[in-house]
């Protein structure tokens, strides 16, 4: 029983760490990960399908993390 509680706790801690430190960006056919510049839950999941890509450049946290470079790379 202790093992199960430990495993669940470690899984939750790992997921929280990932959510605080990475943006998960969904494009039409793939997912990309960008490292956040600040530890926050803001914009953990970002939908970049269709015309939503262009609205993402209005978010300073995503621009700082390298969203412009990622969009340029994706369009090529």
N, C-alpha and C. Protein backbone atom coordinates (compact mmCIF):
# COMPACT_ATOMS: atom_id res chain seq x y z
N UNK A 1 0.82 -1.19 0.00
CA UNK A 1 0.00 0.00 0.00
C UNK A 1 0.87 1.27 0.00
N UNK A 2 1.96 1.26 0.76
CA UNK A 2 2.86 2.41 0.78
C UNK A 2 3.47 2.65 -0.59
N UNK A 3 3.76 1.58 -1.29
CA UNK A 3 4.35 1.69 -2.63
C UNK A 3 3.39 2.39 -3.58
N UNK A 4 2.13 2.02 -3.53
CA UNK A 4 1.13 2.63 -4.42
C UNK A 4 0.98 4.12 -4.11
N UNK A 5 0.91 4.47 -2.85
CA UNK A 5 0.78 5.88 -2.46
C UNK A 5 2.01 6.66 -2.89
N UNK A 6 3.18 6.07 -2.73
CA UNK A 6 4.42 6.72 -3.15
C UNK A 6 4.45 6.94 -4.65
N UNK A 7 4.07 5.93 -5.42
CA UNK A 7 4.04 6.06 -6.88
C UNK A 7 3.05 7.11 -7.35
N UNK A 8 1.88 7.14 -6.74
CA UNK A 8 0.88 8.14 -7.11
C UNK A 8 1.38 9.54 -6.76
N UNK A 9 1.98 9.68 -5.59
CA UNK A 9 2.52 10.98 -5.18
C UNK A 9 3.62 11.45 -6.12
N UNK A 10 4.52 10.57 -6.49
CA UNK A 10 5.61 10.93 -7.39
C UNK A 10 5.08 11.30 -8.78
N UNK A 11 4.05 10.61 -9.24
CA UNK A 11 3.44 10.92 -10.53
C UNK A 11 2.81 12.31 -10.50
N UNK A 12 2.10 12.62 -9.44
CA UNK A 12 1.47 13.94 -9.32
C UNK A 12 2.53 15.04 -9.26
N UNK A 13 3.58 14.82 -8.49
CA UNK A 13 4.66 15.82 -8.39
C UNK A 13 5.32 16.02 -9.74
N UNK A 14 5.55 14.95 -10.48
CA UNK A 14 6.17 15.05 -11.81
C UNK A 14 5.27 15.82 -12.77
N UNK A 15 3.98 15.52 -12.77
CA UNK A 15 3.05 16.22 -13.66
C UNK A 15 2.95 17.71 -13.31
N UNK A 16 2.95 18.03 -12.04
CA UNK A 16 2.94 19.43 -11.63
C UNK A 16 4.21 20.14 -12.08
N UNK A 17 5.34 19.49 -11.93
CA UNK A 17 6.61 20.07 -12.38
C UNK A 17 6.58 20.35 -13.88
N UNK A 18 6.09 19.38 -14.65
CA UNK A 18 6.02 19.57 -16.10
C UNK A 18 5.04 20.68 -16.47
N UNK A 19 3.90 20.73 -15.80
CA UNK A 19 2.90 21.78 -16.09
C UNK A 19 3.43 23.17 -15.77
N UNK A 20 4.26 23.28 -14.74
CA UNK A 20 4.80 24.57 -14.36
C UNK A 20 5.96 25.02 -15.25
N UNK A 21 6.61 24.09 -15.93
CA UNK A 21 7.84 24.42 -16.66
C UNK A 21 7.76 24.31 -18.18
N UNK A 22 6.66 23.80 -18.74
CA UNK A 22 6.59 23.62 -20.18
C UNK A 22 5.24 24.06 -20.74
N UNK A 23 5.27 24.66 -21.94
CA UNK A 23 4.07 24.91 -22.74
C UNK A 23 3.91 23.69 -23.65
N UNK A 24 2.71 23.14 -23.71
CA UNK A 24 2.40 22.07 -24.66
C UNK A 24 1.58 22.71 -25.76
N UNK A 25 2.12 22.70 -26.98
CA UNK A 25 1.48 23.39 -28.10
C UNK A 25 1.01 22.35 -29.11
N UNK A 26 -0.29 22.37 -29.39
CA UNK A 26 -0.87 21.41 -30.33
C UNK A 26 -1.01 22.05 -31.70
N UNK A 27 -0.30 21.50 -32.68
CA UNK A 27 -0.46 21.90 -34.07
C UNK A 27 -1.39 20.89 -34.73
N UNK A 28 -1.61 21.00 -36.03
CA UNK A 28 -2.55 20.14 -36.71
C UNK A 28 -2.21 18.65 -36.55
N UNK A 29 -0.95 18.28 -36.68
CA UNK A 29 -0.59 16.86 -36.68
C UNK A 29 0.43 16.49 -35.61
N UNK A 30 0.82 17.42 -34.76
CA UNK A 30 1.85 17.10 -33.78
C UNK A 30 1.77 18.02 -32.57
N UNK A 31 2.49 17.64 -31.54
CA UNK A 31 2.62 18.44 -30.33
C UNK A 31 4.06 18.89 -30.21
N UNK A 32 4.25 20.13 -29.75
CA UNK A 32 5.59 20.67 -29.50
C UNK A 32 5.64 21.15 -28.05
N UNK A 33 6.83 21.09 -27.48
CA UNK A 33 7.03 21.54 -26.10
C UNK A 33 8.00 22.71 -26.09
N UNK A 34 7.61 23.76 -25.39
CA UNK A 34 8.47 24.93 -25.20
C UNK A 34 8.71 25.11 -23.72
N UNK A 35 9.93 25.36 -23.35
CA UNK A 35 10.24 25.59 -21.94
C UNK A 35 9.76 26.99 -21.55
N UNK A 36 9.04 27.08 -20.44
CA UNK A 36 8.53 28.36 -19.95
C UNK A 36 9.67 29.18 -19.37
N UNK A 37 9.52 30.49 -19.43
CA UNK A 37 10.53 31.37 -18.85
C UNK A 37 10.26 31.62 -17.37
N UNK A 38 9.02 31.39 -16.93
CA UNK A 38 8.65 31.54 -15.51
C UNK A 38 7.79 30.35 -15.11
N UNK A 39 7.91 29.94 -13.85
CA UNK A 39 7.10 28.83 -13.36
C UNK A 39 5.68 29.32 -13.09
N UNK A 40 4.76 28.92 -13.95
CA UNK A 40 3.36 29.31 -13.82
C UNK A 40 2.49 28.28 -14.54
N UNK A 41 1.21 28.25 -14.17
CA UNK A 41 0.28 27.36 -14.85
C UNK A 41 -0.33 28.02 -16.10
N UNK A 42 -0.05 29.28 -16.32
CA UNK A 42 -0.63 30.01 -17.45
C UNK A 42 -0.11 29.45 -18.77
N UNK A 43 -1.01 29.23 -19.70
CA UNK A 43 -0.70 28.73 -21.05
C UNK A 43 0.06 27.41 -21.04
N UNK A 44 -0.31 26.51 -20.14
CA UNK A 44 0.33 25.19 -20.13
C UNK A 44 -0.05 24.42 -21.39
N UNK A 45 -1.34 24.46 -21.75
CA UNK A 45 -1.78 23.85 -23.01
C UNK A 45 -2.21 24.97 -23.95
N UNK A 46 -1.70 24.92 -25.20
CA UNK A 46 -2.00 25.96 -26.17
C UNK A 46 -2.46 25.29 -27.47
N UNK A 47 -3.60 25.72 -27.99
CA UNK A 47 -4.12 25.19 -29.24
C UNK A 47 -3.63 26.08 -30.38
N UNK A 48 -2.82 25.52 -31.27
CA UNK A 48 -2.26 26.29 -32.39
C UNK A 48 -2.75 25.74 -33.72
N UNK A 49 -3.93 25.19 -33.72
CA UNK A 49 -4.49 24.67 -34.98
C UNK A 49 -5.22 25.77 -35.71
N UNK A 50 -5.16 25.74 -37.01
CA UNK A 50 -5.88 26.72 -37.82
C UNK A 50 -5.36 28.13 -37.64
N UNK A 51 -6.29 29.08 -37.53
CA UNK A 51 -5.92 30.48 -37.41
C UNK A 51 -5.52 30.87 -35.99
N UNK A 52 -5.63 29.96 -35.04
CA UNK A 52 -5.24 30.26 -33.66
C UNK A 52 -3.75 30.58 -33.54
N UNK A 53 -2.95 30.13 -34.50
CA UNK A 53 -1.49 30.36 -34.46
C UNK A 53 -1.16 31.84 -34.37
N UNK A 54 -1.86 32.63 -35.12
CA UNK A 54 -1.54 34.05 -35.19
C UNK A 54 -1.92 34.79 -33.91
N UNK A 55 -2.93 34.32 -33.21
CA UNK A 55 -3.32 34.93 -31.93
C UNK A 55 -2.31 34.65 -30.83
N UNK A 56 -1.53 33.60 -31.00
CA UNK A 56 -0.56 33.22 -29.97
C UNK A 56 0.57 34.23 -29.84
N UNK A 57 0.84 34.97 -30.89
CA UNK A 57 1.92 35.96 -30.84
C UNK A 57 1.55 37.17 -29.98
N UNK A 58 0.31 37.25 -29.54
CA UNK A 58 -0.13 38.33 -28.65
C UNK A 58 0.16 38.01 -27.19
N UNK A 59 0.57 36.79 -26.90
CA UNK A 59 0.83 36.39 -25.52
C UNK A 59 2.32 36.52 -25.23
N UNK A 60 2.70 37.46 -24.38
CA UNK A 60 4.12 37.72 -24.12
C UNK A 60 4.88 36.50 -23.59
N UNK A 61 4.23 35.68 -22.76
CA UNK A 61 4.93 34.51 -22.20
C UNK A 61 5.33 33.53 -23.30
N UNK A 62 4.48 33.37 -24.30
CA UNK A 62 4.79 32.45 -25.41
C UNK A 62 5.86 33.03 -26.33
N UNK A 63 5.81 34.32 -26.55
CA UNK A 63 6.82 34.96 -27.39
C UNK A 63 8.19 34.85 -26.73
N UNK A 64 8.24 35.10 -25.42
CA UNK A 64 9.49 34.97 -24.67
C UNK A 64 10.05 33.55 -24.73
N UNK A 65 9.16 32.57 -24.71
CA UNK A 65 9.59 31.18 -24.69
C UNK A 65 10.06 30.70 -26.07
N UNK A 66 9.78 31.47 -27.13
CA UNK A 66 10.25 31.10 -28.46
C UNK A 66 9.16 30.69 -29.43
N UNK A 67 7.95 31.13 -29.21
CA UNK A 67 6.84 30.76 -30.09
C UNK A 67 7.05 31.26 -31.51
N UNK A 68 7.60 32.46 -31.68
CA UNK A 68 7.84 33.00 -33.02
C UNK A 68 8.76 32.08 -33.81
N UNK A 69 9.83 31.62 -33.19
CA UNK A 69 10.76 30.71 -33.85
C UNK A 69 10.07 29.39 -34.20
N UNK A 70 9.24 28.90 -33.29
CA UNK A 70 8.53 27.65 -33.52
C UNK A 70 7.55 27.77 -34.68
N UNK A 71 6.83 28.90 -34.77
CA UNK A 71 5.90 29.10 -35.88
C UNK A 71 6.63 29.22 -37.20
N UNK A 72 7.76 29.93 -37.22
CA UNK A 72 8.55 30.03 -38.44
C UNK A 72 9.05 28.66 -38.88
N UNK A 73 9.47 27.86 -37.95
CA UNK A 73 9.96 26.52 -38.26
C UNK A 73 8.82 25.64 -38.77
N UNK A 74 7.64 25.79 -38.20
CA UNK A 74 6.50 24.97 -38.57
C UNK A 74 6.00 25.29 -39.98
N UNK A 75 6.10 26.56 -40.39
CA UNK A 75 5.58 26.98 -41.70
C UNK A 75 6.49 26.55 -42.85
N UNK A 76 7.75 26.23 -42.56
CA UNK A 76 8.69 25.84 -43.62
C UNK A 76 8.47 24.44 -44.07
